Full PDB file with SEQRES, HELIX, SHEET, SSBOND, CRYST1, ORIGX, SCALE, CONECT and MASTER records, all heavy atoms in Angstrom:
SEQRES   1 A   43  VAL TYR LEU GLN MET ASN SER LEU LYS PRO GLU ASP THR          
SEQRES   2 A   43  ALA VAL TYR TYR CYS LYS GLN VAL PHE PRO SER SER TRP          
SEQRES   3 A   43  TYR PRO LEU GLY GLY SER TRP GLY GLN GLY THR GLN VAL          
SEQRES   4 A   43  THR VAL SER SER                                              
HELIX    1 AA1 PRO A   10  ASP A   12  5                                   3    
SHEET    1 AA1 2 ALA A  14  TYR A  16  0                                        
SHEET    2 AA1 2 THR A  37  VAL A  39 -1                                        
CRYST1    1.000    1.000    1.000  90.00  90.00  90.00 P 1           1          
ORIGX1      1.000000  0.000000  0.000000        0.00000                         
ORIGX2      0.000000  1.000000  0.000000        0.00000                         
ORIGX3      0.000000  0.000000  1.000000        0.00000                         
SCALE1      1.000000  0.000000  0.000000        0.00000                         
SCALE2      0.000000  1.000000  0.000000        0.00000                         
SCALE3      0.000000  0.000000  1.000000        0.00000                         
ATOM      1  N   VAL A   1     124.713-134.606  66.069  1.00  0.00           N  
ATOM      2  CA  VAL A   1     123.559-133.782  66.143  1.00  0.00           C  
ATOM      3  C   VAL A   1     123.976-132.383  66.592  1.00  0.00           C  
ATOM      4  O   VAL A   1     124.822-132.242  67.443  1.00  0.00           O  
ATOM      5  CB  VAL A   1     122.505-134.355  67.112  1.00  0.00           C  
ATOM      6  CG1 VAL A   1     121.263-133.469  67.208  1.00  0.00           C  
ATOM      7  CG2 VAL A   1     122.113-135.756  66.673  1.00  0.00           C  
ATOM      8  N   TYR A   2     123.370-131.397  65.994  1.00  0.00           N  
ATOM      9  CA  TYR A   2     123.741-130.004  66.262  1.00  0.00           C  
ATOM     10  C   TYR A   2     122.610-129.205  66.863  1.00  0.00           C  
ATOM     11  O   TYR A   2     121.419-129.496  66.623  1.00  0.00           O  
ATOM     12  CB  TYR A   2     124.165-129.268  65.008  1.00  0.00           C  
ATOM     13  CG  TYR A   2     125.309-130.000  64.266  1.00  0.00           C  
ATOM     14  CD1 TYR A   2     125.062-130.814  63.203  1.00  0.00           C  
ATOM     15  CD2 TYR A   2     126.646-129.780  64.689  1.00  0.00           C  
ATOM     16  CE1 TYR A   2     126.092-131.483  62.555  1.00  0.00           C  
ATOM     17  CE2 TYR A   2     127.676-130.451  64.022  1.00  0.00           C  
ATOM     18  CZ  TYR A   2     127.390-131.253  62.930  1.00  0.00           C  
ATOM     19  OH  TYR A   2     128.438-131.938  62.291  1.00  0.00           O  
ATOM     20  N   LEU A   3     122.911-128.196  67.605  1.00  0.00           N  
ATOM     21  CA  LEU A   3     121.908-127.275  68.096  1.00  0.00           C  
ATOM     22  C   LEU A   3     122.509-125.856  67.817  1.00  0.00           C  
ATOM     23  O   LEU A   3     123.419-125.457  68.531  1.00  0.00           O  
ATOM     24  CB  LEU A   3     121.646-127.456  69.580  1.00  0.00           C  
ATOM     25  CG  LEU A   3     120.536-126.549  70.108  1.00  0.00           C  
ATOM     26  CD1 LEU A   3     119.177-126.909  69.512  1.00  0.00           C  
ATOM     27  CD2 LEU A   3     120.437-126.653  71.667  1.00  0.00           C  
ATOM     28  N   GLN A   4     121.969-125.191  66.833  1.00  0.00           N  
ATOM     29  CA  GLN A   4     122.359-123.824  66.548  1.00  0.00           C  
ATOM     30  C   GLN A   4     121.539-122.893  67.404  1.00  0.00           C  
ATOM     31  O   GLN A   4     120.289-122.898  67.288  1.00  0.00           O  
ATOM     32  CB  GLN A   4     122.183-123.499  65.060  1.00  0.00           C  
ATOM     33  CG  GLN A   4     122.547-122.062  64.661  1.00  0.00           C  
ATOM     34  CD  GLN A   4     124.031-121.778  64.863  1.00  0.00           C  
ATOM     35  OE1 GLN A   4     124.863-122.584  64.385  1.00  0.00           O  
ATOM     36  NE2 GLN A   4     124.346-120.692  65.474  1.00  0.00           N  
ATOM     37  N   MET A   5     122.184-122.110  68.207  1.00  0.00           N  
ATOM     38  CA  MET A   5     121.473-121.243  69.151  1.00  0.00           C  
ATOM     39  C   MET A   5     121.844-119.797  68.793  1.00  0.00           C  
ATOM     40  O   MET A   5     122.991-119.378  68.873  1.00  0.00           O  
ATOM     41  CB  MET A   5     121.902-121.536  70.601  1.00  0.00           C  
ATOM     42  CG  MET A   5     121.730-123.002  71.001  1.00  0.00           C  
ATOM     43  SD  MET A   5     122.072-123.270  72.760  1.00  0.00           S  
ATOM     44  CE  MET A   5     123.797-122.850  72.792  1.00  0.00           C  
ATOM     45  N   ASN A   6     120.833-119.065  68.383  1.00  0.00           N  
ATOM     46  CA  ASN A   6     120.950-117.645  68.039  1.00  0.00           C  
ATOM     47  C   ASN A   6     120.150-116.789  68.985  1.00  0.00           C  
ATOM     48  O   ASN A   6     119.268-117.287  69.682  1.00  0.00           O  
ATOM     49  CB  ASN A   6     120.500-117.390  66.597  1.00  0.00           C  
ATOM     50  CG  ASN A   6     121.296-118.162  65.583  1.00  0.00           C  
ATOM     51  OD1 ASN A   6     122.510-118.337  65.709  1.00  0.00           O  
ATOM     52  ND2 ASN A   6     120.611-118.555  64.514  1.00  0.00           N  
ATOM     53  N   SER A   7     120.434-115.491  68.990  1.00  0.00           N  
ATOM     54  CA  SER A   7     119.741-114.541  69.861  1.00  0.00           C  
ATOM     55  C   SER A   7     119.625-115.052  71.301  1.00  0.00           C  
ATOM     56  O   SER A   7     118.585-115.059  71.912  1.00  0.00           O  
ATOM     57  CB  SER A   7     118.341-114.312  69.304  1.00  0.00           C  
ATOM     58  OG  SER A   7     118.382-113.794  67.979  1.00  0.00           O  
ATOM     59  N   LEU A   8     120.770-115.519  71.809  1.00  0.00           N  
ATOM     60  CA  LEU A   8     120.757-116.108  73.141  1.00  0.00           C  
ATOM     61  C   LEU A   8     120.375-115.080  74.238  1.00  0.00           C  
ATOM     62  O   LEU A   8     120.662-113.923  74.139  1.00  0.00           O  
ATOM     63  CB  LEU A   8     122.123-116.703  73.445  1.00  0.00           C  
ATOM     64  CG  LEU A   8     122.427-118.014  72.727  1.00  0.00           C  
ATOM     65  CD1 LEU A   8     123.914-118.284  72.743  1.00  0.00           C  
ATOM     66  CD2 LEU A   8     121.657-119.116  73.446  1.00  0.00           C  
ATOM     67  N   LYS A   9     119.688-115.634  75.218  1.00  0.00           N  
ATOM     68  CA  LYS A   9     119.242-114.842  76.321  1.00  0.00           C  
ATOM     69  C   LYS A   9     119.820-115.408  77.628  1.00  0.00           C  
ATOM     70  O   LYS A   9     120.164-116.553  77.690  1.00  0.00           O  
ATOM     71  CB  LYS A   9     117.691-114.884  76.449  1.00  0.00           C  
ATOM     72  CG  LYS A   9     116.959-114.461  75.167  1.00  0.00           C  
ATOM     73  CD  LYS A   9     115.459-114.645  75.354  1.00  0.00           C  
ATOM     74  CE  LYS A   9     114.719-114.179  74.100  1.00  0.00           C  
ATOM     75  NZ  LYS A   9     113.225-114.389  74.232  1.00  0.00           N  
ATOM     76  N   PRO A  10     119.913-114.578  78.652  1.00  0.00           N  
ATOM     77  CA  PRO A  10     120.412-115.097  79.936  1.00  0.00           C  
ATOM     78  C   PRO A  10     119.613-116.313  80.452  1.00  0.00           C  
ATOM     79  O   PRO A  10     120.187-117.143  81.092  1.00  0.00           O  
ATOM     80  CB  PRO A  10     120.252-113.911  80.906  1.00  0.00           C  
ATOM     81  CG  PRO A  10     120.411-112.692  80.009  1.00  0.00           C  
ATOM     82  CD  PRO A  10     119.714-113.120  78.695  1.00  0.00           C  
ATOM     83  N   GLU A  11     118.342-116.347  80.137  1.00  0.00           N  
ATOM     84  CA  GLU A  11     117.503-117.473  80.525  1.00  0.00           C  
ATOM     85  C   GLU A  11     117.918-118.793  79.862  1.00  0.00           C  
ATOM     86  O   GLU A  11     117.462-119.852  80.319  1.00  0.00           O  
ATOM     87  CB  GLU A  11     116.029-117.224  80.205  1.00  0.00           C  
ATOM     88  CG  GLU A  11     115.497-115.887  80.749  1.00  0.00           C  
ATOM     89  CD  GLU A  11     115.638-114.750  79.772  1.00  0.00           C  
ATOM     90  OE1 GLU A  11     114.730-114.502  78.961  1.00  0.00           O  
ATOM     91  OE2 GLU A  11     116.676-114.054  79.851  1.00  0.00           O  
ATOM     92  N   ASP A  12     118.737-118.733  78.838  1.00  0.00           N  
ATOM     93  CA  ASP A  12     119.213-119.946  78.197  1.00  0.00           C  
ATOM     94  C   ASP A  12     120.389-120.560  78.895  1.00  0.00           C  
ATOM     95  O   ASP A  12     120.854-121.644  78.563  1.00  0.00           O  
ATOM     96  CB  ASP A  12     119.634-119.643  76.750  1.00  0.00           C  
ATOM     97  CG  ASP A  12     118.486-119.181  75.903  1.00  0.00           C  
ATOM     98  OD1 ASP A  12     117.360-119.777  75.991  1.00  0.00           O  
ATOM     99  OD2 ASP A  12     118.665-118.214  75.084  1.00  0.00           O  
ATOM    100  N   THR A  13     120.891-119.897  79.907  1.00  0.00           N  
ATOM    101  CA  THR A  13     122.061-120.380  80.648  1.00  0.00           C  
ATOM    102  C   THR A  13     121.673-121.729  81.355  1.00  0.00           C  
ATOM    103  O   THR A  13     120.706-121.821  82.089  1.00  0.00           O  
ATOM    104  CB  THR A  13     122.491-119.363  81.727  1.00  0.00           C  
ATOM    105  OG1 THR A  13     122.942-118.213  81.097  1.00  0.00           O  
ATOM    106  CG2 THR A  13     123.582-119.969  82.598  1.00  0.00           C  
ATOM    107  N   ALA A  14     122.473-122.755  81.047  1.00  0.00           N  
ATOM    108  CA  ALA A  14     122.227-124.065  81.587  1.00  0.00           C  
ATOM    109  C   ALA A  14     123.285-125.012  81.049  1.00  0.00           C  
ATOM    110  O   ALA A  14     124.114-124.641  80.205  1.00  0.00           O  
ATOM    111  CB  ALA A  14     120.869-124.583  81.141  1.00  0.00           C  
ATOM    112  N   VAL A  15     123.289-126.224  81.573  1.00  0.00           N  
ATOM    113  CA  VAL A  15     124.090-127.287  80.998  1.00  0.00           C  
ATOM    114  C   VAL A  15     123.192-128.023  79.952  1.00  0.00           C  
ATOM    115  O   VAL A  15     122.080-128.351  80.281  1.00  0.00           O  
ATOM    116  CB  VAL A  15     124.560-128.267  82.068  1.00  0.00           C  
ATOM    117  CG1 VAL A  15     125.344-129.421  81.398  1.00  0.00           C  
ATOM    118  CG2 VAL A  15     125.466-127.580  83.078  1.00  0.00           C  
ATOM    119  N   TYR A  16     123.704-128.144  78.787  1.00  0.00           N  
ATOM    120  CA  TYR A  16     122.976-128.724  77.710  1.00  0.00           C  
ATOM    121  C   TYR A  16     123.426-130.185  77.445  1.00  0.00           C  
ATOM    122  O   TYR A  16     124.630-130.448  77.409  1.00  0.00           O  
ATOM    123  CB  TYR A  16     123.109-127.943  76.443  1.00  0.00           C  
ATOM    124  CG  TYR A  16     122.359-126.663  76.433  1.00  0.00           C  
ATOM    125  CD1 TYR A  16     122.662-125.619  77.258  1.00  0.00           C  
ATOM    126  CD2 TYR A  16     121.192-126.484  75.614  1.00  0.00           C  
ATOM    127  CE1 TYR A  16     121.924-124.436  77.326  1.00  0.00           C  
ATOM    128  CE2 TYR A  16     120.452-125.325  75.656  1.00  0.00           C  
ATOM    129  CZ  TYR A  16     120.789-124.288  76.486  1.00  0.00           C  
ATOM    130  OH  TYR A  16     120.062-123.158  76.504  1.00  0.00           O  
ATOM    131  N   TYR A  17     122.448-131.040  77.309  1.00  0.00           N  
ATOM    132  CA  TYR A  17     122.721-132.469  77.076  1.00  0.00           C  
ATOM    133  C   TYR A  17     121.974-132.955  75.850  1.00  0.00           C  
ATOM    134  O   TYR A  17     120.903-132.465  75.512  1.00  0.00           O  
ATOM    135  CB  TYR A  17     122.150-133.291  78.277  1.00  0.00           C  
ATOM    136  CG  TYR A  17     122.679-132.949  79.604  1.00  0.00           C  
ATOM    137  CD1 TYR A  17     122.071-131.969  80.410  1.00  0.00           C  
ATOM    138  CD2 TYR A  17     123.787-133.574  80.152  1.00  0.00           C  
ATOM    139  CE1 TYR A  17     122.509-131.637  81.649  1.00  0.00           C  
ATOM    140  CE2 TYR A  17     124.259-133.281  81.442  1.00  0.00           C  
ATOM    141  CZ  TYR A  17     123.596-132.291  82.152  1.00  0.00           C  
ATOM    142  OH  TYR A  17     124.090-131.985  83.416  1.00  0.00           O  
ATOM    143  N   CYS A  18     122.535-133.932  75.189  1.00  0.00           N  
ATOM    144  CA  CYS A  18     121.835-134.619  74.100  1.00  0.00           C  
ATOM    145  C   CYS A  18     121.534-136.039  74.548  1.00  0.00           C  
ATOM    146  O   CYS A  18     122.232-136.614  75.416  1.00  0.00           O  
ATOM    147  CB  CYS A  18     122.639-134.575  72.792  1.00  0.00           C  
ATOM    148  SG  CYS A  18     124.196-135.514  72.826  1.00  0.00           S  
ATOM    149  N   LYS A  19     120.470-136.588  73.971  1.00  0.00           N  
ATOM    150  CA  LYS A  19     120.000-137.872  74.442  1.00  0.00           C  
ATOM    151  C   LYS A  19     119.086-138.492  73.379  1.00  0.00           C  
ATOM    152  O   LYS A  19     118.383-137.758  72.689  1.00  0.00           O  
ATOM    153  CB  LYS A  19     119.229-137.746  75.751  1.00  0.00           C  
ATOM    154  CG  LYS A  19     118.941-139.090  76.441  1.00  0.00           C  
ATOM    155  CD  LYS A  19     120.139-139.489  77.265  1.00  0.00           C  
ATOM    156  CE  LYS A  19     119.794-140.584  78.267  1.00  0.00           C  
ATOM    157  NZ  LYS A  19     119.436-141.839  77.615  1.00  0.00           N  
ATOM    158  N   GLN A  20     119.143-139.775  73.236  1.00  0.00           N  
ATOM    159  CA  GLN A  20     118.155-140.469  72.370  1.00  0.00           C  
ATOM    160  C   GLN A  20     116.781-140.261  73.018  1.00  0.00           C  
ATOM    161  O   GLN A  20     116.650-140.248  74.229  1.00  0.00           O  
ATOM    162  CB  GLN A  20     118.468-141.961  72.294  1.00  0.00           C  
ATOM    163  CG  GLN A  20     119.701-142.266  71.537  1.00  0.00           C  
ATOM    164  CD  GLN A  20     120.011-143.756  71.499  1.00  0.00           C  
ATOM    165  OE1 GLN A  20     121.005-144.211  72.090  1.00  0.00           O  
ATOM    166  NE2 GLN A  20     119.137-144.541  70.886  1.00  0.00           N  
ATOM    167  N   VAL A  21     115.790-140.080  72.152  1.00  0.00           N  
ATOM    168  CA  VAL A  21     114.421-139.818  72.632  1.00  0.00           C  
ATOM    169  C   VAL A  21     113.458-140.746  71.918  1.00  0.00           C  
ATOM    170  O   VAL A  21     113.743-141.241  70.834  1.00  0.00           O  
ATOM    171  CB  VAL A  21     114.024-138.348  72.455  1.00  0.00           C  
ATOM    172  CG1 VAL A  21     114.912-137.427  73.201  1.00  0.00           C  
ATOM    173  CG2 VAL A  21     114.013-138.011  70.940  1.00  0.00           C  
ATOM    174  N   PHE A  22     112.292-140.916  72.547  1.00  0.00           N  
ATOM    175  CA  PHE A  22     111.217-141.637  71.885  1.00  0.00           C  
ATOM    176  C   PHE A  22     110.591-140.728  70.860  1.00  0.00           C  
ATOM    177  O   PHE A  22     110.209-139.576  71.187  1.00  0.00           O  
ATOM    178  CB  PHE A  22     110.146-142.025  72.908  1.00  0.00           C  
ATOM    179  CG  PHE A  22     110.570-143.125  73.851  1.00  0.00           C  
ATOM    180  CD1 PHE A  22     110.958-142.835  75.128  1.00  0.00           C  
ATOM    181  CD2 PHE A  22     110.616-144.435  73.448  1.00  0.00           C  
ATOM    182  CE1 PHE A  22     111.348-143.800  76.030  1.00  0.00           C  
ATOM    183  CE2 PHE A  22     111.026-145.425  74.288  1.00  0.00           C  
ATOM    184  CZ  PHE A  22     111.375-145.128  75.588  1.00  0.00           C  
ATOM    185  N   PRO A  23     110.482-141.157  69.608  1.00  0.00           N  
ATOM    186  CA  PRO A  23     109.972-140.263  68.553  1.00  0.00           C  
ATOM    187  C   PRO A  23     108.513-139.868  68.792  1.00  0.00           C  
ATOM    188  O   PRO A  23     108.092-138.842  68.251  1.00  0.00           O  
ATOM    189  CB  PRO A  23     110.143-141.127  67.284  1.00  0.00           C  
ATOM    190  CG  PRO A  23     110.183-142.526  67.785  1.00  0.00           C  
ATOM    191  CD  PRO A  23     110.837-142.489  69.098  1.00  0.00           C  
ATOM    192  N   SER A  24     107.736-140.672  69.502  1.00  0.00           N  
ATOM    193  CA  SER A  24     106.347-140.316  69.713  1.00  0.00           C  
ATOM    194  C   SER A  24     106.105-139.248  70.766  1.00  0.00           C  
ATOM    195  O   SER A  24     105.153-138.498  70.675  1.00  0.00           O  
ATOM    196  CB  SER A  24     105.574-141.579  70.100  1.00  0.00           C  
ATOM    197  OG  SER A  24     106.088-142.140  71.308  1.00  0.00           O  
ATOM    198  N   SER A  25     106.971-139.174  71.727  1.00  0.00           N  
ATOM    199  CA  SER A  25     106.791-138.256  72.849  1.00  0.00           C  
ATOM    200  C   SER A  25     107.925-137.267  73.070  1.00  0.00           C  
ATOM    201  O   SER A  25     107.786-136.267  73.769  1.00  0.00           O  
ATOM    202  CB  SER A  25     106.611-139.038  74.127  1.00  0.00           C  
ATOM    203  OG  SER A  25     107.775-139.744  74.458  1.00  0.00           O  
ATOM    204  N   TRP A  26     109.116-137.535  72.477  1.00  0.00           N  
ATOM    205  CA  TRP A  26     110.289-136.761  72.652  1.00  0.00           C  
ATOM    206  C   TRP A  26     110.913-136.905  74.055  1.00  0.00           C  
ATOM    207  O   TRP A  26     111.812-136.217  74.414  1.00  0.00           O  
ATOM    208  CB  TRP A  26     110.083-135.281  72.322  1.00  0.00           C  
ATOM    209  CG  TRP A  26     109.533-135.024  70.988  1.00  0.00           C  
ATOM    210  CD1 TRP A  26     108.238-134.677  70.684  1.00  0.00           C  
ATOM    211  CD2 TRP A  26     110.194-135.143  69.738  1.00  0.00           C  
ATOM    212  NE1 TRP A  26     108.077-134.530  69.315  1.00  0.00           N  
ATOM    213  CE2 TRP A  26     109.267-134.818  68.713  1.00  0.00           C  
ATOM    214  CE3 TRP A  26     111.487-135.464  69.341  1.00  0.00           C  
ATOM    215  CZ2 TRP A  26     109.574-134.837  67.356  1.00  0.00           C  
ATOM    216  CZ3 TRP A  26     111.846-135.480  68.016  1.00  0.00           C  
ATOM    217  CH2 TRP A  26     110.865-135.152  67.033  1.00  0.00           C  
ATOM    218  N   TYR A  27     110.356-137.849  74.801  1.00  0.00           N  
ATOM    219  CA  TYR A  27     110.929-138.108  76.119  1.00  0.00           C  
ATOM    220  C   TYR A  27     112.203-138.873  75.973  1.00  0.00           C  
ATOM    221  O   TYR A  27     112.368-139.700  75.062  1.00  0.00           O  
ATOM    222  CB  TYR A  27     109.931-138.912  76.945  1.00  0.00           C  
ATOM    223  CG  TYR A  27     108.760-138.135  77.502  1.00  0.00           C  
ATOM    224  CD1 TYR A  27     108.533-136.794  77.132  1.00  0.00           C  
ATOM    225  CD2 TYR A  27     107.871-138.701  78.408  1.00  0.00           C  
ATOM    226  CE1 TYR A  27     107.454-136.113  77.665  1.00  0.00           C  
ATOM    227  CE2 TYR A  27     106.806-138.020  78.916  1.00  0.00           C  
ATOM    228  CZ  TYR A  27     106.590-136.697  78.522  1.00  0.00           C  
ATOM    229  OH  TYR A  27     105.516-135.987  79.002  1.00  0.00           O  
ATOM    230  N   PRO A  28     113.192-138.640  76.873  1.00  0.00           N  
ATOM    231  CA  PRO A  28     114.449-139.332  76.760  1.00  0.00           C  
ATOM    232  C   PRO A  28     114.389-140.802  77.037  1.00  0.00           C  
ATOM    233  O   PRO A  28     113.574-141.242  77.921  1.00  0.00           O  
ATOM    234  CB  PRO A  28     115.320-138.597  77.762  1.00  0.00           C  
ATOM    235  CG  PRO A  28     114.353-138.138  78.806  1.00  0.00           C  
ATOM    236  CD  PRO A  28     113.143-137.742  78.014  1.00  0.00           C  
ATOM    237  N   LEU A  29     115.161-141.592  76.338  1.00  0.00           N  
ATOM    238  CA  LEU A  29     115.246-143.000  76.655  1.00  0.00           C  
ATOM    239  C   LEU A  29     116.005-143.187  77.966  1.00  0.00           C  
ATOM    240  O   LEU A  29     116.702-142.299  78.437  1.00  0.00           O  
ATOM    241  CB  LEU A  29     116.000-143.758  75.514  1.00  0.00           C  
ATOM    242  CG  LEU A  29     115.154-144.261  74.358  1.00  0.00           C  
ATOM    243  CD1 LEU A  29     114.577-143.121  73.536  1.00  0.00           C  
ATOM    244  CD2 LEU A  29     116.036-145.143  73.452  1.00  0.00           C  
ATOM    245  N   GLY A  30     115.916-144.388  78.508  1.00  0.00           N  
ATOM    246  CA  GLY A  30     116.620-144.698  79.729  1.00  0.00           C  
ATOM    247  C   GLY A  30     118.115-144.732  79.471  1.00  0.00           C  
ATOM    248  O   GLY A  30     118.555-144.778  78.314  1.00  0.00           O  
ATOM    249  N   GLY A  31     118.849-144.799  80.504  1.00  0.00           N  
ATOM    250  CA  GLY A  31     120.298-144.857  80.417  1.00  0.00           C  
ATOM    251  C   GLY A  31     120.942-143.577  80.916  1.00  0.00           C  
ATOM    252  O   GLY A  31     120.265-142.605  81.193  1.00  0.00           O  
ATOM    253  N   SER A  32     122.262-143.640  81.054  1.00  0.00           N  
ATOM    254  CA  SER A  32     122.956-142.501  81.644  1.00  0.00           C  
ATOM    255  C   SER A  32     123.030-141.319  80.675  1.00  0.00           C  
ATOM    256  O   SER A  32     122.928-141.455  79.429  1.00  0.00           O  
ATOM    257  CB  SER A  32     124.373-142.932  82.013  1.00  0.00           C  
ATOM    258  OG  SER A  32     125.082-143.383  80.868  1.00  0.00           O  
ATOM    259  N   TRP A  33     123.233-140.168  81.271  1.00  0.00           N  
ATOM    260  CA  TRP A  33     123.385-138.914  80.533  1.00  0.00           C  
ATOM    261  C   TRP A  33     124.860-138.631  80.399  1.00  0.00           C  
ATOM    262  O   TRP A  33     125.675-139.071  81.206  1.00  0.00           O  
ATOM    263  CB  TRP A  33     122.713-137.740  81.213  1.00  0.00           C  
ATOM    264  CG  TRP A  33     121.208-137.887  81.279  1.00  0.00           C  
ATOM    265  CD1 TRP A  33     120.485-138.712  82.114  1.00  0.00           C  
ATOM    266  CD2 TRP A  33     120.264-137.191  80.453  1.00  0.00           C  
ATOM    267  NE1 TRP A  33     119.122-138.531  81.877  1.00  0.00           N  
ATOM    268  CE2 TRP A  33     118.968-137.633  80.860  1.00  0.00           C  
ATOM    269  CE3 TRP A  33     120.384-136.255  79.421  1.00  0.00           C  
ATOM    270  CZ2 TRP A  33     117.801-137.149  80.274  1.00  0.00           C  
ATOM    271  CZ3 TRP A  33     119.225-135.789  78.816  1.00  0.00           C  
ATOM    272  CH2 TRP A  33     117.969-136.219  79.279  1.00  0.00           C  
ATOM    273  N   GLY A  34     125.258-137.858  79.384  1.00  0.00           N  
ATOM    274  CA  GLY A  34     126.594-137.489  79.195  1.00  0.00           C  
ATOM    275  C   GLY A  34     126.985-136.360  80.144  1.00  0.00           C  
ATOM    276  O   GLY A  34     126.257-136.017  81.086  1.00  0.00           O  
ATOM    277  N   GLN A  35     128.182-135.792  79.930  1.00  0.00           N  
ATOM    278  CA  GLN A  35     128.653-134.698  80.818  1.00  0.00           C  
ATOM    279  C   GLN A  35     128.009-133.393  80.547  1.00  0.00           C  
ATOM    280  O   GLN A  35     128.040-132.504  81.368  1.00  0.00           O  
ATOM    281  CB  GLN A  35     130.154-134.603  80.746  1.00  0.00           C  
ATOM    282  CG  GLN A  35     130.689-133.762  79.582  1.00  0.00           C  
ATOM    283  CD  GLN A  35     130.610-134.440  78.222  1.00  0.00           C  
ATOM    284  OE1 GLN A  35     130.223-135.593  78.125  1.00  0.00           O  
ATOM    285  NE2 GLN A  35     130.973-133.712  77.174  1.00  0.00           N  
ATOM    286  N   GLY A  36     127.431-133.259  79.380  1.00  0.00           N  
ATOM    287  CA  GLY A  36     126.827-132.004  78.967  1.00  0.00           C  
ATOM    288  C   GLY A  36     127.836-130.954  78.642  1.00  0.00           C  
ATOM    289  O   GLY A  36     129.043-131.149  78.766  1.00  0.00           O  
ATOM    290  N   THR A  37     127.343-129.831  78.136  1.00  0.00           N  
ATOM    291  CA  THR A  37     128.219-128.707  77.864  1.00  0.00           C  
ATOM    292  C   THR A  37     127.575-127.442  78.412  1.00  0.00           C  
ATOM    293  O   THR A  37     126.386-127.225  78.240  1.00  0.00           O  
ATOM    294  CB  THR A  37     128.487-128.567  76.344  1.00  0.00           C  
ATOM    295  OG1 THR A  37     129.461-127.550  76.108  1.00  0.00           O  
ATOM    296  CG2 THR A  37     127.240-128.288  75.557  1.00  0.00           C  
ATOM    297  N   GLN A  38     128.362-126.661  79.105  1.00  0.00           N  
ATOM    298  CA  GLN A  38     127.877-125.483  79.788  1.00  0.00           C  
ATOM    299  C   GLN A  38     127.681-124.314  78.829  1.00  0.00           C  
ATOM    300  O   GLN A  38     128.596-123.960  78.093  1.00  0.00           O  
ATOM    301  CB  GLN A  38     128.820-125.047  80.909  1.00  0.00           C  
ATOM    302  CG  GLN A  38     128.411-123.749  81.637  1.00  0.00           C  
ATOM    303  CD  GLN A  38     127.222-123.921  82.508  1.00  0.00           C  
ATOM    304  OE1 GLN A  38     127.164-124.851  83.295  1.00  0.00           O  
ATOM    305  NE2 GLN A  38     126.193-123.022  82.352  1.00  0.00           N  
ATOM    306  N   VAL A  39     126.516-123.719  78.884  1.00  0.00           N  
ATOM    307  CA  VAL A  39     126.210-122.506  78.124  1.00  0.00           C  
ATOM    308  C   VAL A  39     125.912-121.424  79.120  1.00  0.00           C  
ATOM    309  O   VAL A  39     124.991-121.538  79.912  1.00  0.00           O  
ATOM    310  CB  VAL A  39     125.055-122.698  77.141  1.00  0.00           C  
ATOM    311  CG1 VAL A  39     124.626-121.330  76.540  1.00  0.00           C  
ATOM    312  CG2 VAL A  39     125.406-123.718  76.072  1.00  0.00           C  
ATOM    313  N   THR A  40     126.634-120.356  79.090  1.00  0.00           N  
ATOM    314  CA  THR A  40     126.395-119.221  79.951  1.00  0.00           C  
ATOM    315  C   THR A  40     126.217-117.963  79.120  1.00  0.00           C  
ATOM    316  O   THR A  40     127.076-117.557  78.324  1.00  0.00           O  
ATOM    317  CB  THR A  40     127.574-119.006  80.924  1.00  0.00           C  
ATOM    318  OG1 THR A  40     127.834-120.202  81.663  1.00  0.00           O  
ATOM    319  CG2 THR A  40     127.296-117.895  81.888  1.00  0.00           C  
ATOM    320  N   VAL A  41     125.079-117.300  79.314  1.00  0.00           N  
ATOM    321  CA  VAL A  41     124.726-116.103  78.566  1.00  0.00           C  
ATOM    322  C   VAL A  41     124.702-114.929  79.518  1.00  0.00           C  
ATOM    323  O   VAL A  41     123.894-114.916  80.469  1.00  0.00           O  
ATOM    324  CB  VAL A  41     123.403-116.248  77.844  1.00  0.00           C  
ATOM    325  CG1 VAL A  41     123.131-115.028  76.982  1.00  0.00           C  
ATOM    326  CG2 VAL A  41     123.384-117.496  76.999  1.00  0.00           C  
ATOM    327  N   SER A  42     125.554-113.951  79.301  1.00  0.00           N  
ATOM    328  CA  SER A  42     125.597-112.788  80.163  1.00  0.00           C  
ATOM    329  C   SER A  42     124.789-111.628  79.556  1.00  0.00           C  
ATOM    330  O   SER A  42     124.591-111.542  78.378  1.00  0.00           O  
ATOM    331  CB  SER A  42     127.078-112.340  80.317  1.00  0.00           C  
ATOM    332  OG  SER A  42     127.636-111.923  79.089  1.00  0.00           O  
ATOM    333  N   SER A  43     124.275-110.820  80.467  1.00  0.00           N  
ATOM    334  CA  SER A  43     123.429-109.691  80.030  1.00  0.00           C  
ATOM    335  C   SER A  43     124.269-108.437  79.890  1.00  0.00           C  
ATOM    336  O   SER A  43     125.442-108.416  80.289  1.00  0.00           O  
ATOM    337  CB  SER A  43     122.283-109.476  81.019  1.00  0.00           C  
ATOM    338  OG  SER A  43     122.794-109.220  82.333  1.00  0.00           O  
TER     339      SER A  43                                                      
MASTER        0    0    0    1    2    0    0    6  338    1    0    4          
END                                                                             
């Protein structure tokens, strides 16, 4: 699964995670999260 991020803003700075979600609500399923990947946007 991909997330193409354009026109990044400093407010987008965070650790990003992917997770299986419930299709009806988009809420994440139970279970552990991965390590994520750090996105840092400088101004």
